[in-house]
Amino acid sequence: QVRIVESGGGLVKVGSSLTLSCAIEGLIFRRQTVAWFRQVPGKERELVAGLKWTEELSTTADSVKGRFAISRDVSKETAYLQMNSLKPEDTARYYCASCQYCDINTRPEWYTWGQGTQVTVSS
């Protein structure tokens, strides 16, 4: 059974750091392109960061460039989103998504999604 479980969200103050984790079960982890998305109610989902399964390519959105970084630990079958210098506009629900052998910007419907974890940044 495929499960994607995010953790690590919470309520933090401006300038703080958080690390989100994404545990992927039931898939061959090293074949997975993993991406973090975020969504605020009433707004479109935004690709925050992605890491291609080959690890030769990663991407981060301009809005988080230099502050967020995606990584993975194949031995733990877990991907991470390190978030530094958090801002109120980073407040959103963060979703981890996985897609075997995909490009990062593949169709959203091709991704397998987790339930998300809430990040709230207070000023």
N, C-alpha and C. Protein backbone atom coordinates (compact mmCIF):
# COMPACT_ATOMS: atom_id res chain seq x y z
N GLN A 1 0.84 -1.18 0.00
CA GLN A 1 0.00 0.00 0.00
C GLN A 1 0.89 1.24 0.00
N VAL A 2 0.54 2.20 -0.86
CA VAL A 2 1.32 3.42 -0.97
C VAL A 2 0.87 4.43 0.09
N ARG A 3 1.84 4.94 0.83
CA ARG A 3 1.55 5.98 1.80
C ARG A 3 2.61 7.05 1.70
N ILE A 4 2.16 8.28 1.72
CA ILE A 4 3.06 9.43 1.80
C ILE A 4 2.63 10.22 3.02
N VAL A 5 3.51 10.37 3.97
CA VAL A 5 3.17 11.00 5.24
C VAL A 5 4.11 12.15 5.51
N GLU A 6 3.54 13.34 5.59
CA GLU A 6 4.32 14.52 5.91
C GLU A 6 4.29 14.77 7.42
N SER A 7 5.34 15.37 7.91
CA SER A 7 5.40 15.75 9.32
C SER A 7 6.34 16.93 9.46
N GLY A 8 6.28 17.57 10.62
CA GLY A 8 7.22 18.64 10.92
C GLY A 8 6.65 20.04 10.86
N GLY A 9 5.39 20.15 10.46
CA GLY A 9 4.79 21.47 10.42
C GLY A 9 4.50 21.99 11.82
N GLY A 10 4.08 23.24 11.88
CA GLY A 10 3.76 23.82 13.17
C GLY A 10 3.61 25.31 13.09
N LEU A 11 3.48 25.92 14.26
CA LEU A 11 3.36 27.37 14.39
C LEU A 11 4.71 27.92 14.85
N VAL A 12 5.28 28.81 14.05
CA VAL A 12 6.58 29.37 14.38
C VAL A 12 6.55 30.87 14.15
N LYS A 13 7.59 31.54 14.64
CA LYS A 13 7.69 32.98 14.49
C LYS A 13 8.51 33.33 13.25
N VAL A 14 8.33 34.55 12.80
CA VAL A 14 9.09 35.04 11.66
C VAL A 14 10.58 34.86 11.91
N GLY A 15 11.26 34.39 10.87
CA GLY A 15 12.70 34.20 10.96
C GLY A 15 13.12 32.83 11.45
N SER A 16 12.15 32.03 11.87
CA SER A 16 12.46 30.69 12.38
C SER A 16 12.73 29.72 11.23
N SER A 17 13.13 28.53 11.63
CA SER A 17 13.38 27.45 10.69
C SER A 17 12.51 26.25 11.04
N LEU A 18 12.17 25.50 10.02
CA LEU A 18 11.46 24.24 10.19
C LEU A 18 11.99 23.27 9.16
N THR A 19 11.94 21.99 9.51
CA THR A 19 12.26 20.95 8.55
C THR A 19 11.05 20.04 8.42
N LEU A 20 10.51 19.98 7.23
CA LEU A 20 9.41 19.07 6.95
C LEU A 20 9.98 17.74 6.46
N SER A 21 9.33 16.67 6.88
CA SER A 21 9.73 15.34 6.44
C SER A 21 8.61 14.70 5.63
N CYS A 22 9.01 13.87 4.72
CA CYS A 22 8.06 13.17 3.86
C CYS A 22 8.48 11.71 3.77
N ALA A 23 7.79 10.87 4.50
CA ALA A 23 8.08 9.44 4.48
C ALA A 23 7.24 8.78 3.39
N ILE A 24 7.91 8.04 2.53
CA ILE A 24 7.23 7.41 1.40
C ILE A 24 7.30 5.89 1.57
N GLU A 25 6.14 5.26 1.61
CA GLU A 25 6.06 3.82 1.79
C GLU A 25 5.35 3.18 0.61
N GLY A 26 5.76 1.98 0.29
CA GLY A 26 5.07 1.23 -0.75
C GLY A 26 5.51 1.55 -2.16
N LEU A 27 6.55 2.35 -2.29
CA LEU A 27 7.11 2.68 -3.60
C LEU A 27 8.61 2.45 -3.56
N ILE A 28 9.21 2.29 -4.72
CA ILE A 28 10.66 2.17 -4.77
C ILE A 28 11.22 3.58 -4.71
N PHE A 29 11.72 3.94 -3.54
CA PHE A 29 12.01 5.33 -3.24
C PHE A 29 12.98 5.95 -4.24
N ARG A 30 14.02 5.22 -4.61
CA ARG A 30 15.06 5.83 -5.44
C ARG A 30 14.56 6.14 -6.85
N ARG A 31 13.40 5.63 -7.19
CA ARG A 31 12.82 5.91 -8.50
C ARG A 31 11.90 7.12 -8.48
N GLN A 32 11.72 7.68 -7.30
CA GLN A 32 10.71 8.73 -7.13
C GLN A 32 11.27 10.14 -7.30
N THR A 33 10.64 10.89 -8.17
CA THR A 33 10.81 12.34 -8.14
C THR A 33 9.90 12.85 -7.03
N VAL A 34 10.45 13.64 -6.15
CA VAL A 34 9.69 14.13 -5.00
C VAL A 34 9.58 15.65 -5.07
N ALA A 35 8.41 16.14 -4.78
CA ALA A 35 8.19 17.58 -4.81
C ALA A 35 7.38 18.02 -3.60
N TRP A 36 7.65 19.22 -3.18
CA TRP A 36 6.87 19.86 -2.13
C TRP A 36 6.03 20.97 -2.78
N PHE A 37 4.76 20.95 -2.46
CA PHE A 37 3.84 21.98 -2.90
C PHE A 37 3.25 22.64 -1.66
N ARG A 38 2.68 23.81 -1.85
CA ARG A 38 1.96 24.44 -0.75
C ARG A 38 0.70 25.09 -1.29
N GLN A 39 -0.26 25.22 -0.43
CA GLN A 39 -1.52 25.81 -0.84
C GLN A 39 -2.15 26.56 0.32
N VAL A 40 -2.63 27.72 -0.01
CA VAL A 40 -3.41 28.55 0.91
C VAL A 40 -4.84 28.53 0.43
N PRO A 41 -5.80 28.42 1.32
CA PRO A 41 -7.21 28.40 0.90
C PRO A 41 -7.53 29.57 -0.02
N GLY A 42 -8.16 29.24 -1.14
CA GLY A 42 -8.55 30.27 -2.08
C GLY A 42 -7.50 30.62 -3.10
N LYS A 43 -6.32 30.00 -2.97
CA LYS A 43 -5.25 30.26 -3.94
C LYS A 43 -4.83 28.96 -4.61
N GLU A 44 -4.15 29.11 -5.72
CA GLU A 44 -3.67 27.93 -6.45
C GLU A 44 -2.52 27.27 -5.71
N ARG A 45 -2.42 26.00 -5.92
CA ARG A 45 -1.29 25.24 -5.36
C ARG A 45 0.00 25.68 -6.03
N GLU A 46 1.04 25.81 -5.24
CA GLU A 46 2.34 26.30 -5.73
C GLU A 46 3.41 25.24 -5.53
N LEU A 47 4.17 25.00 -6.58
CA LEU A 47 5.34 24.13 -6.45
C LEU A 47 6.42 24.89 -5.69
N VAL A 48 6.82 24.34 -4.58
CA VAL A 48 7.84 25.00 -3.74
C VAL A 48 9.24 24.50 -4.08
N ALA A 49 9.37 23.19 -4.17
CA ALA A 49 10.68 22.61 -4.45
C ALA A 49 10.50 21.20 -4.98
N GLY A 50 11.42 20.78 -5.82
CA GLY A 50 11.35 19.44 -6.37
C GLY A 50 12.72 18.86 -6.55
N LEU A 51 12.80 17.55 -6.46
CA LEU A 51 14.07 16.85 -6.62
C LEU A 51 13.81 15.67 -7.55
N LYS A 52 14.48 15.70 -8.69
CA LYS A 52 14.28 14.63 -9.66
C LYS A 52 14.86 13.33 -9.15
N TRP A 53 14.30 12.23 -9.57
CA TRP A 53 14.69 10.92 -9.05
C TRP A 53 16.16 10.63 -9.32
N THR A 54 16.72 11.21 -10.35
CA THR A 54 18.14 11.00 -10.64
C THR A 54 19.04 11.85 -9.76
N GLU A 55 18.45 12.78 -9.03
CA GLU A 55 19.15 13.74 -8.17
C GLU A 55 20.01 14.71 -8.97
N GLU A 56 19.90 14.67 -10.29
CA GLU A 56 20.70 15.60 -11.09
C GLU A 56 20.04 16.96 -11.22
N LEU A 57 18.83 17.05 -10.78
CA LEU A 57 18.11 18.31 -10.93
C LEU A 57 17.23 18.55 -9.72
N SER A 58 17.32 19.73 -9.19
CA SER A 58 16.38 20.16 -8.16
C SER A 58 15.95 21.57 -8.51
N THR A 59 14.84 21.96 -7.97
CA THR A 59 14.33 23.29 -8.26
C THR A 59 13.63 23.85 -7.04
N THR A 60 13.68 25.14 -6.88
CA THR A 60 12.92 25.81 -5.85
C THR A 60 12.24 27.03 -6.46
N ALA A 61 11.10 27.37 -5.93
CA ALA A 61 10.36 28.52 -6.43
C ALA A 61 11.11 29.81 -6.11
N ASP A 62 10.94 30.80 -6.95
CA ASP A 62 11.62 32.08 -6.73
C ASP A 62 11.28 32.65 -5.36
N SER A 63 10.07 32.40 -4.91
CA SER A 63 9.62 32.97 -3.63
C SER A 63 10.35 32.39 -2.43
N VAL A 64 10.99 31.25 -2.60
CA VAL A 64 11.69 30.61 -1.47
C VAL A 64 13.16 30.37 -1.76
N LYS A 65 13.60 30.80 -2.93
CA LYS A 65 14.99 30.54 -3.33
C LYS A 65 15.95 31.17 -2.33
N GLY A 66 16.93 30.39 -1.94
CA GLY A 66 17.91 30.85 -0.95
C GLY A 66 17.48 30.61 0.48
N ARG A 67 16.22 30.27 0.69
CA ARG A 67 15.71 30.02 2.05
C ARG A 67 15.31 28.57 2.26
N PHE A 68 14.78 27.93 1.22
CA PHE A 68 14.31 26.55 1.32
C PHE A 68 15.22 25.64 0.52
N ALA A 69 15.32 24.40 0.97
CA ALA A 69 16.11 23.41 0.24
C ALA A 69 15.46 22.04 0.39
N ILE A 70 15.43 21.32 -0.70
CA ILE A 70 14.89 19.96 -0.70
C ILE A 70 16.03 18.96 -0.71
N SER A 71 15.82 17.87 -0.02
CA SER A 71 16.84 16.82 0.00
C SER A 71 16.13 15.49 0.25
N ARG A 72 16.90 14.43 0.19
CA ARG A 72 16.31 13.13 0.49
C ARG A 72 17.37 12.21 1.08
N ASP A 73 16.91 11.24 1.81
CA ASP A 73 17.75 10.18 2.37
C ASP A 73 17.18 8.86 1.87
N VAL A 74 17.86 8.27 0.91
CA VAL A 74 17.34 7.05 0.30
C VAL A 74 17.26 5.93 1.34
N SER A 75 18.23 5.87 2.24
CA SER A 75 18.24 4.79 3.23
C SER A 75 17.04 4.88 4.16
N LYS A 76 16.52 6.08 4.37
CA LYS A 76 15.36 6.26 5.23
C LYS A 76 14.06 6.40 4.44
N GLU A 77 14.19 6.40 3.12
CA GLU A 77 13.03 6.56 2.24
C GLU A 77 12.21 7.78 2.64
N THR A 78 12.94 8.85 2.87
CA THR A 78 12.34 10.08 3.35
C THR A 78 12.93 11.27 2.61
N ALA A 79 12.06 12.20 2.25
CA ALA A 79 12.49 13.46 1.67
C ALA A 79 12.26 14.57 2.69
N TYR A 80 12.99 15.66 2.50
CA TYR A 80 12.93 16.74 3.47
C TYR A 80 12.78 18.08 2.76
N LEU A 81 12.20 19.02 3.48
CA LEU A 81 12.18 20.40 3.03
C LEU A 81 12.68 21.24 4.19
N GLN A 82 13.90 21.74 4.04
CA GLN A 82 14.47 22.61 5.05
C GLN A 82 14.01 24.03 4.74
N MET A 83 13.38 24.65 5.71
CA MET A 83 12.85 26.00 5.52
C MET A 83 13.48 26.93 6.54
N ASN A 84 14.18 27.91 6.03
CA ASN A 84 14.85 28.90 6.88
C ASN A 84 14.28 30.29 6.65
N SER A 85 14.52 31.16 7.60
CA SER A 85 14.09 32.56 7.48
C SER A 85 12.62 32.65 7.07
N LEU A 86 11.80 31.95 7.80
CA LEU A 86 10.39 31.87 7.44
C LEU A 86 9.71 33.23 7.55
N LYS A 87 8.78 33.43 6.63
CA LYS A 87 8.03 34.69 6.55
C LYS A 87 6.53 34.39 6.70
N PRO A 88 5.75 35.39 7.07
CA PRO A 88 4.30 35.14 7.18
C PRO A 88 3.70 34.61 5.88
N GLU A 89 4.23 35.05 4.75
CA GLU A 89 3.69 34.59 3.47
C GLU A 89 4.03 33.14 3.16
N ASP A 90 4.84 32.51 3.99
CA ASP A 90 5.10 31.08 3.85
C ASP A 90 4.02 30.24 4.51
N THR A 91 3.12 30.89 5.22
CA THR A 91 2.02 30.18 5.86
C THR A 91 1.17 29.48 4.82
N ALA A 92 1.02 28.18 4.97
CA ALA A 92 0.27 27.37 4.00
C ALA A 92 0.23 25.93 4.49
N ARG A 93 -0.53 25.14 3.80
CA ARG A 93 -0.46 23.70 4.01
C ARG A 93 0.53 23.16 2.98
N TYR A 94 1.48 22.41 3.45
CA TYR A 94 2.54 21.88 2.62
C TYR A 94 2.29 20.41 2.32
N TYR A 95 2.37 20.09 1.05
CA TYR A 95 2.11 18.73 0.59
C TYR A 95 3.36 18.15 -0.05
N CYS A 96 3.60 16.90 0.25
CA CYS A 96 4.65 16.15 -0.42
C CYS A 96 4.00 15.30 -1.49
N ALA A 97 4.66 15.19 -2.63
CA ALA A 97 4.13 14.40 -3.72
C ALA A 97 5.25 13.62 -4.38
N SER A 98 4.91 12.47 -4.89
CA SER A 98 5.90 11.56 -5.45
C SER A 98 5.43 11.03 -6.80
N CYS A 99 6.39 10.89 -7.71
CA CYS A 99 6.05 10.39 -9.04
C CYS A 99 7.24 9.61 -9.58
N GLN A 100 7.00 8.37 -9.98
CA GLN A 100 8.11 7.50 -10.42
C GLN A 100 8.62 7.93 -11.78
N TYR A 101 9.91 8.13 -11.85
CA TYR A 101 10.61 8.44 -13.10
C TYR A 101 10.10 9.71 -13.79
N CYS A 102 9.52 10.60 -13.02
CA CYS A 102 8.92 11.80 -13.61
C CYS A 102 9.87 12.97 -13.64
N ASP A 103 9.55 13.92 -14.48
CA ASP A 103 10.16 15.23 -14.38
C ASP A 103 9.48 15.98 -13.23
N ILE A 104 10.14 16.97 -12.70
CA ILE A 104 9.59 17.70 -11.57
C ILE A 104 8.28 18.39 -11.94
N ASN A 105 8.25 18.97 -13.13
CA ASN A 105 7.07 19.71 -13.54
C ASN A 105 6.07 18.84 -14.28
N THR A 106 5.97 17.61 -13.87
CA THR A 106 5.00 16.72 -14.50
C THR A 106 3.58 17.12 -14.09
N ARG A 107 2.61 16.53 -14.75
CA ARG A 107 1.22 16.86 -14.44
C ARG A 107 0.91 16.53 -12.99
N PRO A 108 0.23 17.38 -12.27
CA PRO A 108 -0.09 17.10 -10.86
C PRO A 108 -0.85 15.80 -10.66
N GLU A 109 -1.66 15.44 -11.64
CA GLU A 109 -2.46 14.21 -11.47
C GLU A 109 -1.60 12.96 -11.55
N TRP A 110 -0.36 13.09 -12.00
CA TRP A 110 0.53 11.94 -12.06
C TRP A 110 1.25 11.72 -10.73
N TYR A 111 1.19 12.72 -9.88
CA TYR A 111 1.82 12.59 -8.57
C TYR A 111 0.91 11.82 -7.62
N THR A 112 1.52 11.14 -6.68
CA THR A 112 0.84 10.58 -5.53
C THR A 112 1.05 11.56 -4.38
N TRP A 113 -0.02 11.89 -3.69
CA TRP A 113 0.02 12.98 -2.72
C TRP A 113 -0.15 12.51 -1.29
N GLY A 114 0.50 13.25 -0.39
CA GLY A 114 0.24 13.07 1.01
C GLY A 114 -0.91 13.96 1.46
N GLN A 115 -1.20 13.90 2.75
CA GLN A 115 -2.31 14.66 3.31
C GLN A 115 -1.91 16.09 3.68
N GLY A 116 -0.64 16.34 3.75
CA GLY A 116 -0.19 17.69 4.03
C GLY A 116 0.10 17.93 5.50
N THR A 117 0.88 18.98 5.74
CA THR A 117 1.17 19.42 7.09
C THR A 117 1.11 20.95 7.10
N GLN A 118 0.51 21.48 8.13
CA GLN A 118 0.27 22.93 8.18
C GLN A 118 1.51 23.65 8.74
N VAL A 119 1.88 24.72 8.07
CA VAL A 119 2.93 25.61 8.55
C VAL A 119 2.32 26.99 8.71
N THR A 120 2.45 27.53 9.90
CA THR A 120 1.93 28.86 10.18
C THR A 120 3.05 29.71 10.75
N VAL A 121 3.30 30.85 10.11
CA VAL A 121 4.37 31.74 10.52
C VAL A 121 3.74 33.01 11.05
N SER A 122 3.97 33.28 12.31
CA SER A 122 3.38 34.46 12.93
C SER A 122 4.38 35.61 12.96
N SER A 123 3.87 36.81 12.81
CA SER A 123 4.73 37.99 12.81
C SER A 123 4.86 38.58 14.20
